[in-house]
Amino acid sequence: MDKSESDKKIADRKLGDEWIDWDGRHGAESSDADYRVFLGLAVLSTLALIMGAGLFLWLIYPRLAAAGSILPKVFSILFLIFGGILVVWLILFVLAAVTRWPFTRLIVIPQLV
């Protein structure tokens, strides 16, 4: 390699170099995206999860009934609790996204010091 080629060699980039010229503004495509698509996918995935858990319970229900009389009731109650928690979470999630008010601040978790 001769002297002229080594002079033209560009220094290696370092982590964070791509942010050097950033002025703090974001483009229209970054955070102004339509939230309805995201909420629709969240609703569909939550419903699919509940339906999948219900299908699983339906498939094992005869075996649970054969094993004992209390097991089907316990698993049905657990499924209802699971589905209820997911529905409440989904409602709070959609309300927080639509109103732009963080409902998660209503949940108070005590600090362990």
N, C-alpha and C. Protein backbone atom coordinates (compact mmCIF):
# COMPACT_ATOMS: atom_id res chain seq x y z
N MET A 1 0.86 -1.17 0.00
CA MET A 1 0.00 0.00 0.00
C MET A 1 0.90 1.23 0.00
N ASP A 2 0.65 2.16 -0.88
CA ASP A 2 1.49 3.34 -0.94
C ASP A 2 0.94 4.43 -0.02
N LYS A 3 1.65 5.52 0.05
CA LYS A 3 1.34 6.62 0.97
C LYS A 3 0.00 7.28 0.68
N SER A 4 -0.39 7.44 -0.57
CA SER A 4 -1.64 8.13 -0.92
C SER A 4 -2.87 7.30 -0.49
N GLU A 5 -2.76 5.98 -0.58
CA GLU A 5 -3.89 5.14 -0.17
C GLU A 5 -4.07 5.16 1.34
N SER A 6 -2.99 5.19 2.08
CA SER A 6 -3.11 5.20 3.53
C SER A 6 -3.65 6.54 4.03
N ASP A 7 -3.39 7.63 3.31
CA ASP A 7 -3.93 8.93 3.69
C ASP A 7 -5.43 9.00 3.48
N LYS A 8 -5.93 8.29 2.48
CA LYS A 8 -7.35 8.31 2.17
C LYS A 8 -8.16 7.35 3.04
N LYS A 9 -7.47 6.53 3.80
CA LYS A 9 -8.16 5.54 4.62
C LYS A 9 -8.97 6.26 5.71
N ILE A 10 -10.22 5.87 5.82
CA ILE A 10 -11.13 6.49 6.78
C ILE A 10 -10.98 5.78 8.12
N ALA A 11 -11.02 6.55 9.19
CA ALA A 11 -10.90 5.98 10.52
C ALA A 11 -12.12 5.11 10.84
N ASP A 12 -11.90 4.11 11.66
CA ASP A 12 -13.00 3.23 12.05
C ASP A 12 -14.05 4.01 12.84
N ARG A 13 -15.29 3.61 12.62
CA ARG A 13 -16.38 4.25 13.37
C ARG A 13 -16.45 3.67 14.77
N LYS A 14 -16.89 4.47 15.69
CA LYS A 14 -17.05 4.04 17.08
C LYS A 14 -18.52 3.97 17.41
N LEU A 15 -18.83 3.28 18.46
CA LEU A 15 -20.21 3.14 18.89
C LEU A 15 -20.80 4.52 19.20
N GLY A 16 -21.91 4.84 18.58
CA GLY A 16 -22.57 6.12 18.81
C GLY A 16 -22.26 7.17 17.77
N ASP A 17 -21.37 6.87 16.81
CA ASP A 17 -21.02 7.85 15.78
C ASP A 17 -22.22 8.23 14.90
N GLU A 18 -23.18 7.35 14.77
CA GLU A 18 -24.32 7.67 13.91
C GLU A 18 -25.21 8.76 14.51
N TRP A 19 -25.03 9.08 15.77
CA TRP A 19 -25.85 10.10 16.42
C TRP A 19 -25.15 11.46 16.50
N ILE A 20 -23.97 11.57 15.95
CA ILE A 20 -23.19 12.80 16.08
C ILE A 20 -23.91 13.99 15.45
N ASP A 21 -24.49 13.83 14.28
CA ASP A 21 -25.14 14.93 13.58
C ASP A 21 -26.63 15.03 13.86
N TRP A 22 -27.16 14.28 14.81
CA TRP A 22 -28.60 14.29 15.07
C TRP A 22 -28.96 15.54 15.85
N ASP A 23 -30.02 16.25 15.43
CA ASP A 23 -30.41 17.50 16.07
C ASP A 23 -31.54 17.33 17.08
N GLY A 24 -31.99 16.14 17.32
CA GLY A 24 -33.03 15.91 18.32
C GLY A 24 -34.43 15.80 17.76
N ARG A 25 -34.60 16.12 16.51
CA ARG A 25 -35.92 16.01 15.88
C ARG A 25 -36.09 14.61 15.31
N HIS A 26 -37.35 14.18 15.27
CA HIS A 26 -37.61 12.87 14.69
C HIS A 26 -38.46 13.04 13.45
N GLY A 27 -38.36 12.07 12.58
CA GLY A 27 -39.12 12.11 11.34
C GLY A 27 -40.57 11.74 11.59
N ALA A 28 -41.41 11.95 10.60
CA ALA A 28 -42.84 11.67 10.74
C ALA A 28 -43.11 10.18 10.89
N GLU A 29 -42.22 9.34 10.42
CA GLU A 29 -42.47 7.91 10.46
C GLU A 29 -42.09 7.27 11.79
N SER A 30 -41.45 7.98 12.70
CA SER A 30 -40.94 7.34 13.90
C SER A 30 -41.99 7.16 14.99
N SER A 31 -42.51 8.23 15.56
CA SER A 31 -43.41 8.06 16.69
C SER A 31 -44.83 8.55 16.40
N ASP A 32 -45.07 9.08 15.24
CA ASP A 32 -46.40 9.54 14.90
C ASP A 32 -47.20 8.48 14.16
N ALA A 33 -46.79 7.23 14.30
CA ALA A 33 -47.47 6.14 13.60
C ALA A 33 -48.86 5.94 14.20
N ASP A 34 -49.73 5.40 13.39
CA ASP A 34 -51.10 5.17 13.81
C ASP A 34 -51.13 4.05 14.85
N TYR A 35 -51.71 4.31 16.00
CA TYR A 35 -51.72 3.33 17.08
C TYR A 35 -52.83 2.31 16.92
N ARG A 36 -53.76 2.50 16.00
CA ARG A 36 -54.86 1.56 15.83
C ARG A 36 -54.39 0.19 15.36
N VAL A 37 -53.36 0.16 14.55
CA VAL A 37 -52.82 -1.12 14.09
C VAL A 37 -52.24 -1.90 15.27
N PHE A 38 -51.48 -1.21 16.11
CA PHE A 38 -50.89 -1.85 17.27
C PHE A 38 -51.96 -2.34 18.24
N LEU A 39 -52.98 -1.53 18.48
CA LEU A 39 -54.05 -1.94 19.38
C LEU A 39 -54.84 -3.10 18.80
N GLY A 40 -55.08 -3.08 17.50
CA GLY A 40 -55.79 -4.19 16.87
C GLY A 40 -55.03 -5.50 17.01
N LEU A 41 -53.72 -5.44 16.81
CA LEU A 41 -52.91 -6.65 16.98
C LEU A 41 -52.88 -7.10 18.44
N ALA A 42 -52.88 -6.16 19.38
CA ALA A 42 -52.92 -6.52 20.80
C ALA A 42 -54.24 -7.20 21.15
N VAL A 43 -55.35 -6.69 20.63
CA VAL A 43 -56.66 -7.30 20.88
C VAL A 43 -56.71 -8.69 20.26
N LEU A 44 -56.27 -8.81 19.01
CA LEU A 44 -56.31 -10.12 18.35
C LEU A 44 -55.42 -11.14 19.05
N SER A 45 -54.25 -10.74 19.47
CA SER A 45 -53.36 -11.69 20.14
C SER A 45 -53.88 -12.08 21.52
N THR A 46 -54.51 -11.14 22.23
CA THR A 46 -55.09 -11.48 23.52
C THR A 46 -56.27 -12.43 23.36
N LEU A 47 -57.12 -12.16 22.38
CA LEU A 47 -58.24 -13.07 22.12
C LEU A 47 -57.74 -14.45 21.68
N ALA A 48 -56.69 -14.49 20.88
CA ALA A 48 -56.14 -15.78 20.46
C ALA A 48 -55.57 -16.54 21.65
N LEU A 49 -54.95 -15.83 22.58
CA LEU A 49 -54.41 -16.48 23.78
C LEU A 49 -55.52 -17.04 24.64
N ILE A 50 -56.60 -16.28 24.83
CA ILE A 50 -57.73 -16.77 25.62
C ILE A 50 -58.39 -17.96 24.93
N MET A 51 -58.57 -17.87 23.62
CA MET A 51 -59.18 -18.98 22.91
C MET A 51 -58.29 -20.22 22.91
N GLY A 52 -56.99 -20.04 22.83
CA GLY A 52 -56.07 -21.17 22.91
C GLY A 52 -56.11 -21.84 24.27
N ALA A 53 -56.19 -21.04 25.33
CA ALA A 53 -56.30 -21.61 26.68
C ALA A 53 -57.64 -22.32 26.84
N GLY A 54 -58.69 -21.76 26.27
CA GLY A 54 -60.00 -22.42 26.32
C GLY A 54 -60.02 -23.72 25.55
N LEU A 55 -59.37 -23.75 24.39
CA LEU A 55 -59.27 -24.98 23.62
C LEU A 55 -58.49 -26.05 24.38
N PHE A 56 -57.41 -25.64 25.03
CA PHE A 56 -56.64 -26.57 25.83
C PHE A 56 -57.49 -27.14 26.97
N LEU A 57 -58.25 -26.28 27.64
CA LEU A 57 -59.12 -26.76 28.72
C LEU A 57 -60.18 -27.71 28.17
N TRP A 58 -60.74 -27.39 27.02
CA TRP A 58 -61.77 -28.24 26.42
C TRP A 58 -61.20 -29.61 26.05
N LEU A 59 -59.95 -29.63 25.59
CA LEU A 59 -59.33 -30.90 25.21
C LEU A 59 -59.00 -31.78 26.41
N ILE A 60 -58.60 -31.19 27.53
CA ILE A 60 -58.24 -32.00 28.70
C ILE A 60 -59.40 -32.21 29.67
N TYR A 61 -60.54 -31.58 29.41
CA TYR A 61 -61.67 -31.66 30.34
C TYR A 61 -62.13 -33.10 30.58
N PRO A 62 -62.27 -33.97 29.56
CA PRO A 62 -62.69 -35.35 29.85
C PRO A 62 -61.70 -36.10 30.74
N ARG A 63 -60.41 -35.87 30.55
CA ARG A 63 -59.42 -36.52 31.41
C ARG A 63 -59.48 -35.99 32.84
N LEU A 64 -59.74 -34.70 32.97
CA LEU A 64 -59.89 -34.13 34.32
C LEU A 64 -61.12 -34.69 35.01
N ALA A 65 -62.21 -34.85 34.26
CA ALA A 65 -63.44 -35.39 34.84
C ALA A 65 -63.23 -36.85 35.25
N ALA A 66 -62.43 -37.58 34.50
CA ALA A 66 -62.16 -38.96 34.85
C ALA A 66 -61.26 -39.06 36.08
N ALA A 67 -60.42 -38.07 36.29
CA ALA A 67 -59.49 -38.09 37.42
C ALA A 67 -60.16 -37.71 38.74
N GLY A 68 -61.21 -36.93 38.68
CA GLY A 68 -61.89 -36.52 39.91
C GLY A 68 -62.93 -35.47 39.61
N SER A 69 -63.84 -35.29 40.56
CA SER A 69 -64.93 -34.35 40.32
C SER A 69 -64.53 -32.89 40.59
N ILE A 70 -63.50 -32.66 41.38
CA ILE A 70 -63.12 -31.29 41.73
C ILE A 70 -62.16 -30.68 40.70
N LEU A 71 -61.39 -31.51 40.02
CA LEU A 71 -60.40 -30.99 39.07
C LEU A 71 -61.00 -30.18 37.93
N PRO A 72 -62.08 -30.60 37.29
CA PRO A 72 -62.64 -29.76 36.22
C PRO A 72 -63.11 -28.39 36.71
N LYS A 73 -63.64 -28.36 37.92
CA LYS A 73 -64.11 -27.08 38.48
C LYS A 73 -62.93 -26.16 38.78
N VAL A 74 -61.86 -26.71 39.33
CA VAL A 74 -60.68 -25.91 39.66
C VAL A 74 -60.06 -25.33 38.39
N PHE A 75 -59.90 -26.18 37.37
CA PHE A 75 -59.29 -25.69 36.13
C PHE A 75 -60.20 -24.70 35.42
N SER A 76 -61.51 -24.89 35.50
CA SER A 76 -62.43 -23.92 34.89
C SER A 76 -62.36 -22.57 35.59
N ILE A 77 -62.27 -22.59 36.91
CA ILE A 77 -62.15 -21.34 37.66
C ILE A 77 -60.82 -20.65 37.35
N LEU A 78 -59.74 -21.43 37.26
CA LEU A 78 -58.44 -20.85 36.90
C LEU A 78 -58.47 -20.23 35.51
N PHE A 79 -59.17 -20.91 34.57
CA PHE A 79 -59.29 -20.36 33.22
C PHE A 79 -60.08 -19.06 33.24
N LEU A 80 -61.16 -18.99 33.99
CA LEU A 80 -61.96 -17.77 34.08
C LEU A 80 -61.16 -16.63 34.71
N ILE A 81 -60.38 -16.93 35.72
CA ILE A 81 -59.54 -15.91 36.36
C ILE A 81 -58.48 -15.41 35.37
N PHE A 82 -57.84 -16.34 34.67
CA PHE A 82 -56.83 -15.99 33.67
C PHE A 82 -57.43 -15.12 32.57
N GLY A 83 -58.58 -15.53 32.05
CA GLY A 83 -59.24 -14.74 31.00
C GLY A 83 -59.69 -13.38 31.49
N GLY A 84 -60.19 -13.33 32.72
CA GLY A 84 -60.63 -12.05 33.30
C GLY A 84 -59.48 -11.08 33.48
N ILE A 85 -58.35 -11.58 33.96
CA ILE A 85 -57.18 -10.72 34.13
C ILE A 85 -56.70 -10.19 32.79
N LEU A 86 -56.69 -11.05 31.77
CA LEU A 86 -56.26 -10.59 30.44
C LEU A 86 -57.23 -9.56 29.85
N VAL A 87 -58.53 -9.74 30.07
CA VAL A 87 -59.50 -8.78 29.54
C VAL A 87 -59.37 -7.44 30.26
N VAL A 88 -59.20 -7.46 31.57
CA VAL A 88 -59.02 -6.20 32.31
C VAL A 88 -57.73 -5.51 31.87
N TRP A 89 -56.66 -6.28 31.71
CA TRP A 89 -55.40 -5.70 31.23
C TRP A 89 -55.58 -5.08 29.85
N LEU A 90 -56.30 -5.78 28.98
CA LEU A 90 -56.51 -5.27 27.63
C LEU A 90 -57.33 -3.98 27.63
N ILE A 91 -58.36 -3.93 28.46
CA ILE A 91 -59.18 -2.72 28.56
C ILE A 91 -58.35 -1.55 29.05
N LEU A 92 -57.54 -1.76 30.09
CA LEU A 92 -56.69 -0.69 30.60
C LEU A 92 -55.65 -0.27 29.56
N PHE A 93 -55.13 -1.24 28.84
CA PHE A 93 -54.14 -0.95 27.80
C PHE A 93 -54.73 -0.10 26.69
N VAL A 94 -55.92 -0.47 26.23
CA VAL A 94 -56.57 0.29 25.15
C VAL A 94 -56.95 1.68 25.64
N LEU A 95 -57.50 1.79 26.85
CA LEU A 95 -57.84 3.11 27.39
C LEU A 95 -56.62 3.99 27.55
N ALA A 96 -55.51 3.41 27.99
CA ALA A 96 -54.28 4.19 28.15
C ALA A 96 -53.77 4.67 26.80
N ALA A 97 -53.89 3.86 25.78
CA ALA A 97 -53.41 4.25 24.45
C ALA A 97 -54.31 5.30 23.81
N VAL A 98 -55.62 5.16 24.00
CA VAL A 98 -56.56 6.08 23.36
C VAL A 98 -56.56 7.44 24.06
N THR A 99 -56.57 7.44 25.40
CA THR A 99 -56.64 8.69 26.15
C THR A 99 -55.27 9.31 26.42
N ARG A 100 -54.21 8.54 26.15
CA ARG A 100 -52.84 8.98 26.42
C ARG A 100 -52.62 9.33 27.89
N TRP A 101 -53.33 8.61 28.77
CA TRP A 101 -53.16 8.78 30.21
C TRP A 101 -52.70 7.45 30.77
N PRO A 102 -51.58 7.40 31.49
CA PRO A 102 -51.05 6.12 31.96
C PRO A 102 -51.84 5.55 33.13
N PHE A 103 -52.67 4.56 32.86
CA PHE A 103 -53.45 3.92 33.90
C PHE A 103 -52.61 3.04 34.80
N THR A 104 -51.39 2.75 34.40
CA THR A 104 -50.55 1.91 35.24
C THR A 104 -50.10 2.64 36.51
N ARG A 105 -50.28 3.94 36.55
CA ARG A 105 -49.95 4.67 37.78
C ARG A 105 -50.96 4.38 38.88
N LEU A 106 -52.10 3.79 38.52
CA LEU A 106 -53.09 3.42 39.53
C LEU A 106 -52.63 2.23 40.34
N ILE A 107 -51.74 1.43 39.78
CA ILE A 107 -51.22 0.26 40.48
C ILE A 107 -50.08 0.71 41.36
N VAL A 108 -50.27 0.57 42.66
CA VAL A 108 -49.28 1.00 43.63
C VAL A 108 -48.57 -0.23 44.16
N ILE A 109 -47.28 -0.29 43.95
CA ILE A 109 -46.49 -1.40 44.46
C ILE A 109 -45.63 -0.84 45.60
N PRO A 110 -45.77 -1.42 46.78
CA PRO A 110 -45.00 -0.89 47.92
C PRO A 110 -43.50 -1.10 47.71
N GLN A 111 -42.75 -0.10 48.11
CA GLN A 111 -41.29 -0.16 48.00
C GLN A 111 -40.72 -0.96 49.16
N LEU A 112 -39.88 -1.92 48.85
CA LEU A 112 -39.21 -2.69 49.89
C LEU A 112 -37.86 -2.03 50.15
N VAL A 113 -37.72 -1.52 51.36
CA VAL A 113 -36.49 -0.81 51.69
C VAL A 113 -35.68 -1.61 52.65
